Amino acid sequence: MPNPIRISSENKEIVFTLNISKQENKIQISCIKEINNSIFAAGDYNGLKDLFQKMIASQNEKIVLKKI
């Protein structure tokens, strides 16, 4: 299972949490995106772009299932 991930912007205006856990014969995926500001300065664009790319990359990680 992938490790839990927590990504946030420098000033904590955006916080992303991804947690994947196994419970008996089920996999539970919890993905929370908290955006605490609705307006961002133009100078923040590159940082926000990098943050969202990291979020997408973490959501695209593969989970390998093996038959036992």
PDB file of N, CA and C in Angstrom:
ATOM      1  N   MET A   1       0.840  -1.182   0.000  1.00  0.00           N
ATOM      2  CA  MET A   1       0.000   0.000   0.000  1.00  0.00           C
ATOM      3  C   MET A   1       0.884   1.243   0.000  1.00  0.00           C
ATOM      4  N   PRO A   2       0.483   2.248  -0.750  1.00  0.00           N
ATOM      5  CA  PRO A   2       1.231   3.511  -0.702  1.00  0.00           C
ATOM      6  C   PRO A   2       1.133   4.142   0.688  1.00  0.00           C
ATOM      7  N   ASN A   3       2.169   4.857   1.068  1.00  0.00           N
ATOM      8  CA  ASN A   3       2.183   5.546   2.360  1.00  0.00           C
ATOM      9  C   ASN A   3       1.225   6.731   2.333  1.00  0.00           C
ATOM     10  N   PRO A   4       0.701   7.125   3.494  1.00  0.00           N
ATOM     11  CA  PRO A   4      -0.138   8.329   3.557  1.00  0.00           C
ATOM     12  C   PRO A   4       0.647   9.553   3.081  1.00  0.00           C
ATOM     13  N   ILE A   5      -0.048  10.469   2.424  1.00  0.00           N
ATOM     14  CA  ILE A   5       0.590  11.657   1.863  1.00  0.00           C
ATOM     15  C   ILE A   5      -0.127  12.892   2.384  1.00  0.00           C
ATOM     16  N   ARG A   6       0.648  13.891   2.763  1.00  0.00           N
ATOM     17  CA  ARG A   6       0.096  15.191   3.158  1.00  0.00           C
ATOM     18  C   ARG A   6       0.932  16.255   2.459  1.00  0.00           C
ATOM     19  N   ILE A   7       0.291  17.037   1.606  1.00  0.00           N
ATOM     20  CA  ILE A   7       0.955  18.086   0.840  1.00  0.00           C
ATOM     21  C   ILE A   7       0.252  19.396   1.170  1.00  0.00           C
ATOM     22  N   SER A   8       1.021  20.455   1.375  1.00  0.00           N
ATOM     23  CA  SER A   8       0.393  21.753   1.640  1.00  0.00           C
ATOM     24  C   SER A   8       1.199  22.868   0.995  1.00  0.00           C
ATOM     25  N   SER A   9       0.519  23.967   0.741  1.00  0.00           N
ATOM     26  CA  SER A   9       1.199  25.147   0.214  1.00  0.00           C
ATOM     27  C   SER A   9       2.016  25.781   1.338  1.00  0.00           C
ATOM     28  N   GLU A  10       2.895  26.688   0.973  1.00  0.00           N
ATOM     29  CA  GLU A  10       3.793  27.302   1.959  1.00  0.00           C
ATOM     30  C   GLU A  10       3.038  27.957   3.105  1.00  0.00           C
ATOM     31  N   ASN A  11       1.959  28.626   2.793  1.00  0.00           N
ATOM     32  CA  ASN A  11       1.204  29.348   3.817  1.00  0.00           C
ATOM     33  C   ASN A  11      -0.023  28.563   4.303  1.00  0.00           C
ATOM     34  N   LYS A  12      -0.082  27.270   3.972  1.00  0.00           N
ATOM     35  CA  LYS A  12      -1.153  26.363   4.415  1.00  0.00           C
ATOM     36  C   LYS A  12      -2.539  26.764   3.905  1.00  0.00           C
ATOM     37  N   GLU A  13      -2.599  27.528   2.798  1.00  0.00           N
ATOM     38  CA  GLU A  13      -3.896  27.880   2.229  1.00  0.00           C
ATOM     39  C   GLU A  13      -4.534  26.683   1.529  1.00  0.00           C
ATOM     40  N   ILE A  14      -3.688  25.762   1.051  1.00  0.00           N
ATOM     41  CA  ILE A  14      -4.174  24.532   0.429  1.00  0.00           C
ATOM     42  C   ILE A  14      -3.507  23.359   1.135  1.00  0.00           C
ATOM     43  N   VAL A  15      -4.313  22.409   1.579  1.00  0.00           N
ATOM     44  CA  VAL A  15      -3.793  21.208   2.241  1.00  0.00           C
ATOM     45  C   VAL A  15      -4.450  20.000   1.575  1.00  0.00           C
ATOM     46  N   PHE A  16      -3.625  19.047   1.171  1.00  0.00           N
ATOM     47  CA  PHE A  16      -4.095  17.834   0.510  1.00  0.00           C
ATOM     48  C   PHE A  16      -3.637  16.632   1.316  1.00  0.00           C
ATOM     49  N   THR A  17      -4.570  15.734   1.619  1.00  0.00           N
ATOM     50  CA  THR A  17      -4.250  14.529   2.378  1.00  0.00           C
ATOM     51  C   THR A  17      -4.797  13.316   1.630  1.00  0.00           C
ATOM     52  N   LEU A  18      -3.938  12.313   1.460  1.00  0.00           N
ATOM     53  CA  LEU A  18      -4.337  11.066   0.813  1.00  0.00           C
ATOM     54  C   LEU A  18      -3.930   9.919   1.717  1.00  0.00           C
ATOM     55  N   ASN A  19      -4.902   9.109   2.097  1.00  0.00           N
ATOM     56  CA  ASN A  19      -4.640   7.978   2.982  1.00  0.00           C
ATOM     57  C   ASN A  19      -5.283   6.733   2.378  1.00  0.00           C
ATOM     58  N   ILE A  20      -4.480   5.684   2.223  1.00  0.00           N
ATOM     59  CA  ILE A  20      -4.976   4.422   1.683  1.00  0.00           C
ATOM     60  C   ILE A  20      -4.748   3.351   2.738  1.00  0.00           C
ATOM     61  N   SER A  21      -5.820   2.654   3.097  1.00  0.00           N
ATOM     62  CA  SER A  21      -5.689   1.624   4.128  1.00  0.00           C
ATOM     63  C   SER A  21      -6.430   0.359   3.705  1.00  0.00           C
ATOM     64  N   LYS A  22      -5.982  -0.750   4.259  1.00  0.00           N
ATOM     65  CA  LYS A  22      -6.593  -2.051   3.989  1.00  0.00           C
ATOM     66  C   LYS A  22      -7.352  -2.482   5.235  1.00  0.00           C
ATOM     67  N   GLN A  23      -8.602  -2.868   5.041  1.00  0.00           N
ATOM     68  CA  GLN A  23      -9.420  -3.361   6.141  1.00  0.00           C
ATOM     69  C   GLN A  23     -10.046  -4.679   5.706  1.00  0.00           C
ATOM     70  N   GLU A  24      -9.533  -5.764   6.250  1.00  0.00           N
ATOM     71  CA  GLU A  24      -9.951  -7.121   5.894  1.00  0.00           C
ATOM     72  C   GLU A  24      -9.796  -7.321   4.387  1.00  0.00           C
ATOM     73  N   ASN A  25     -10.886  -7.467   3.656  1.00  0.00           N
ATOM     74  CA  ASN A  25     -10.792  -7.685   2.219  1.00  0.00           C
ATOM     75  C   ASN A  25     -11.186  -6.450   1.413  1.00  0.00           C
ATOM     76  N   LYS A  26     -11.068  -5.275   2.018  1.00  0.00           N
ATOM     77  CA  LYS A  26     -11.438  -4.025   1.352  1.00  0.00           C
ATOM     78  C   LYS A  26     -10.289  -3.028   1.427  1.00  0.00           C
ATOM     79  N   ILE A  27     -10.249  -2.147   0.450  1.00  0.00           N
ATOM     80  CA  ILE A  27      -9.278  -1.050   0.438  1.00  0.00           C
ATOM     81  C   ILE A  27     -10.064   0.243   0.573  1.00  0.00           C
ATOM     82  N   GLN A  28      -9.662   1.062   1.526  1.00  0.00           N
ATOM     83  CA  GLN A  28     -10.326   2.343   1.745  1.00  0.00           C
ATOM     84  C   GLN A  28      -9.380   3.458   1.325  1.00  0.00           C
ATOM     85  N   ILE A  29      -9.881   4.356   0.474  1.00  0.00           N
ATOM     86  CA  ILE A  29      -9.096   5.494   0.005  1.00  0.00           C
ATOM     87  C   ILE A  29      -9.777   6.767   0.484  1.00  0.00           C
ATOM     88  N   SER A  30      -9.030   7.571   1.208  1.00  0.00           N
ATOM     89  CA  SER A  30      -9.536   8.848   1.707  1.00  0.00           C
ATOM     90  C   SER A  30      -8.696   9.963   1.093  1.00  0.00           C
ATOM     91  N   CYS A  31      -9.350  10.841   0.358  1.00  0.00           N
ATOM     92  CA  CYS A  31      -8.660  11.943  -0.311  1.00  0.00           C
ATOM     93  C   CYS A  31      -9.361  13.245   0.088  1.00  0.00           C
ATOM     94  N   ILE A  32      -8.630  14.111   0.782  1.00  0.00           N
ATOM     95  CA  ILE A  32      -9.209  15.364   1.270  1.00  0.00           C
ATOM     96  C   ILE A  32      -8.401  16.530   0.716  1.00  0.00           C
ATOM     97  N   LYS A  33      -9.098  17.478   0.119  1.00  0.00           N
ATOM     98  CA  LYS A  33      -8.473  18.681  -0.419  1.00  0.00           C
ATOM     99  C   LYS A  33      -9.123  19.879   0.272  1.00  0.00           C
ATOM    100  N   GLU A  34      -8.348  20.603   1.068  1.00  0.00           N
ATOM    101  CA  GLU A  34      -8.853  21.779   1.777  1.00  0.00           C
ATOM    102  C   GLU A  34      -8.277  23.025   1.114  1.00  0.00           C
ATOM    103  N   ILE A  35      -9.149  23.891   0.630  1.00  0.00           N
ATOM    104  CA  ILE A  35      -8.719  25.152   0.029  1.00  0.00           C
ATOM    105  C   ILE A  35      -9.312  26.263   0.881  1.00  0.00           C
ATOM    106  N   ASN A  36      -8.443  26.982   1.600  1.00  0.00           N
ATOM    107  CA  ASN A  36      -8.879  27.983   2.567  1.00  0.00           C
ATOM    108  C   ASN A  36      -8.858  29.404   2.022  1.00  0.00           C
ATOM    109  N   ASN A  37      -8.622  29.545   0.735  1.00  0.00           N
ATOM    110  CA  ASN A  37      -8.590  30.857   0.109  1.00  0.00           C
ATOM    111  C   ASN A  37      -9.145  30.699  -1.295  1.00  0.00           C
ATOM    112  N   SER A  38      -9.936  31.644  -1.751  1.00  0.00           N
ATOM    113  CA  SER A  38     -10.506  31.534  -3.095  1.00  0.00           C
ATOM    114  C   SER A  38      -9.816  32.437  -4.106  1.00  0.00           C
ATOM    115  N   ILE A  39      -8.986  33.350  -3.640  1.00  0.00           N
ATOM    116  CA  ILE A  39      -8.281  34.270  -4.537  1.00  0.00           C
ATOM    117  C   ILE A  39      -6.789  34.160  -4.264  1.00  0.00           C
ATOM    118  N   PHE A  40      -6.025  33.930  -5.338  1.00  0.00           N
ATOM    119  CA  PHE A  40      -4.574  33.803  -5.228  1.00  0.00           C
ATOM    120  C   PHE A  40      -3.908  34.822  -6.140  1.00  0.00           C
ATOM    121  N   ALA A  41      -2.774  35.332  -5.707  1.00  0.00           N
ATOM    122  CA  ALA A  41      -2.026  36.316  -6.487  1.00  0.00           C
ATOM    123  C   ALA A  41      -1.389  35.639  -7.696  1.00  0.00           C
ATOM    124  N   ALA A  42      -1.146  36.412  -8.736  1.00  0.00           N
ATOM    125  CA  ALA A  42      -0.528  35.878  -9.952  1.00  0.00           C
ATOM    126  C   ALA A  42       0.845  35.287  -9.657  1.00  0.00           C
ATOM    127  N   GLY A  43       1.557  35.842  -8.696  1.00  0.00           N
ATOM    128  CA  GLY A  43       2.881  35.340  -8.338  1.00  0.00           C
ATOM    129  C   GLY A  43       2.849  33.967  -7.685  1.00  0.00           C
ATOM    130  N   ASP A  44       1.691  33.552  -7.221  1.00  0.00           N
ATOM    131  CA  ASP A  44       1.546  32.235  -6.590  1.00  0.00           C
ATOM    132  C   ASP A  44       1.298  31.124  -7.604  1.00  0.00           C
ATOM    133  N   TYR A  45       1.147  31.477  -8.883  1.00  0.00           N
ATOM    134  CA  TYR A  45       0.740  30.509  -9.897  1.00  0.00           C
ATOM    135  C   TYR A  45       1.682  29.310  -9.983  1.00  0.00           C
ATOM    136  N   ASN A  46       2.994  29.543 -10.076  1.00  0.00           N
ATOM    137  CA  ASN A  46       3.937  28.429 -10.236  1.00  0.00           C
ATOM    138  C   ASN A  46       3.904  27.484  -9.037  1.00  0.00           C
ATOM    139  N   GLY A  47       3.826  28.037  -7.842  1.00  0.00           N
ATOM    140  CA  GLY A  47       3.742  27.203  -6.647  1.00  0.00           C
ATOM    141  C   GLY A  47       2.461  26.380  -6.619  1.00  0.00           C
ATOM    142  N   LEU A  48       1.344  27.001  -7.006  1.00  0.00           N
ATOM    143  CA  LEU A  48       0.066  26.286  -7.046  1.00  0.00           C
ATOM    144  C   LEU A  48       0.082  25.195  -8.113  1.00  0.00           C
ATOM    145  N   LYS A  49       0.687  25.512  -9.249  1.00  0.00           N
ATOM    146  CA  LYS A  49       0.784  24.527 -10.329  1.00  0.00           C
ATOM    147  C   LYS A  49       1.577  23.304  -9.866  1.00  0.00           C
ATOM    148  N   ASP A  50       2.709  23.532  -9.205  1.00  0.00           N
ATOM    149  CA  ASP A  50       3.521  22.424  -8.684  1.00  0.00           C
ATOM    150  C   ASP A  50       2.742  21.612  -7.650  1.00  0.00           C
ATOM    151  N   LEU A  51       2.031  22.304  -6.776  1.00  0.00           N
ATOM    152  CA  LEU A  51       1.242  21.634  -5.743  1.00  0.00           C
ATOM    153  C   LEU A  51       0.180  20.726  -6.363  1.00  0.00           C
ATOM    154  N   PHE A  52      -0.542  21.230  -7.357  1.00  0.00           N
ATOM    155  CA  PHE A  52      -1.582  20.429  -7.992  1.00  0.00           C
ATOM    156  C   PHE A  52      -0.988  19.278  -8.801  1.00  0.00           C
ATOM    157  N   GLN A  53       0.190  19.461  -9.385  1.00  0.00           N
ATOM    158  CA  GLN A  53       0.852  18.356 -10.083  1.00  0.00           C
ATOM    159  C   GLN A  53       1.223  17.247  -9.104  1.00  0.00           C
ATOM    160  N   LYS A  54       1.686  17.618  -7.907  1.00  0.00           N
ATOM    161  CA  LYS A  54       2.003  16.619  -6.879  1.00  0.00           C
ATOM    162  C   LYS A  54       0.738  15.887  -6.423  1.00  0.00           C
ATOM    163  N   MET A  55      -0.368  16.623  -6.291  1.00  0.00           N
ATOM    164  CA  MET A  55      -1.637  16.002  -5.905  1.00  0.00           C
ATOM    165  C   MET A  55      -2.059  14.963  -6.940  1.00  0.00           C
ATOM    166  N   ILE A  56      -1.995  15.344  -8.205  1.00  0.00           N
ATOM    167  CA  ILE A  56      -2.404  14.441  -9.281  1.00  0.00           C
ATOM    168  C   ILE A  56      -1.493  13.226  -9.338  1.00  0.00           C
ATOM    169  N   ALA A  57      -0.187  13.443  -9.188  1.00  0.00           N
ATOM    170  CA  ALA A  57       0.765  12.327  -9.219  1.00  0.00           C
ATOM    171  C   ALA A  57       0.486  11.344  -8.082  1.00  0.00           C
ATOM    172  N   SER A  58       0.165  11.859  -6.900  1.00  0.00           N
ATOM    173  CA  SER A  58      -0.107  10.966  -5.768  1.00  0.00           C
ATOM    174  C   SER A  58      -1.404  10.186  -5.983  1.00  0.00           C
ATOM    175  N   GLN A  59      -2.381  10.789  -6.646  1.00  0.00           N
ATOM    176  CA  GLN A  59      -3.635  10.093  -6.916  1.00  0.00           C
ATOM    177  C   GLN A  59      -3.483   9.056  -8.029  1.00  0.00           C
ATOM    178  N   ASN A  60      -2.467   9.199  -8.857  1.00  0.00           N
ATOM    179  CA  ASN A  60      -2.244   8.262  -9.956  1.00  0.00           C
ATOM    180  C   ASN A  60      -1.340   7.096  -9.580  1.00  0.00           C
ATOM    181  N   GLU A  61      -0.884   7.026  -8.333  1.00  0.00           N
ATOM    182  CA  GLU A  61      -0.047   5.906  -7.902  1.00  0.00           C
ATOM    183  C   GLU A  61      -0.835   4.608  -8.016  1.00  0.00           C
ATOM    184  N   LYS A  62      -0.125   3.559  -8.347  1.00  0.00           N
ATOM    185  CA  LYS A  62      -0.757   2.254  -8.542  1.00  0.00           C
ATOM    186  C   LYS A  62      -0.840   1.483  -7.227  1.00  0.00           C
ATOM    187  N   ILE A  63      -1.907   0.728  -7.087  1.00  0.00           N
ATOM    188  CA  ILE A  63      -2.060  -0.215  -5.986  1.00  0.00           C
ATOM    189  C   ILE A  63      -1.996  -1.601  -6.613  1.00  0.00           C
ATOM    190  N   VAL A  64      -1.053  -2.404  -6.170  1.00  0.00           N
ATOM    191  CA  VAL A  64      -0.870  -3.744  -6.731  1.00  0.00           C
ATOM    192  C   VAL A  64      -1.593  -4.753  -5.848  1.00  0.00           C
ATOM    193  N   LEU A  65      -2.491  -5.498  -6.459  1.00  0.00           N
ATOM    194  CA  LEU A  65      -3.225  -6.546  -5.754  1.00  0.00           C
ATOM    195  C   LEU A  65      -2.640  -7.896  -6.154  1.00  0.00           C
ATOM    196  N   LYS A  66      -2.371  -8.731  -5.157  1.00  0.00           N
ATOM    197  CA  LYS A  66      -1.821 -10.061  -5.420  1.00  0.00           C
ATOM    198  C   LYS A  66      -2.776 -11.113  -4.895  1.00  0.00           C
ATOM    199  N   LYS A  67      -3.008 -12.114  -5.705  1.00  0.00           N
ATOM    200  CA  LYS A  67      -3.858 -13.223  -5.280  1.00  0.00           C
ATOM    201  C   LYS A  67      -3.024 -14.154  -4.414  1.00  0.00           C
ATOM    202  N   ILE A  68      -3.565 -14.501  -3.265  1.00  0.00           N
ATOM    203  CA  ILE A  68      -2.816 -15.350  -2.329  1.00  0.00           C
ATOM    204  C   ILE A  68      -3.362 -16.764  -2.371  1.00  0.00           C
TER     205      ILE A  68
END
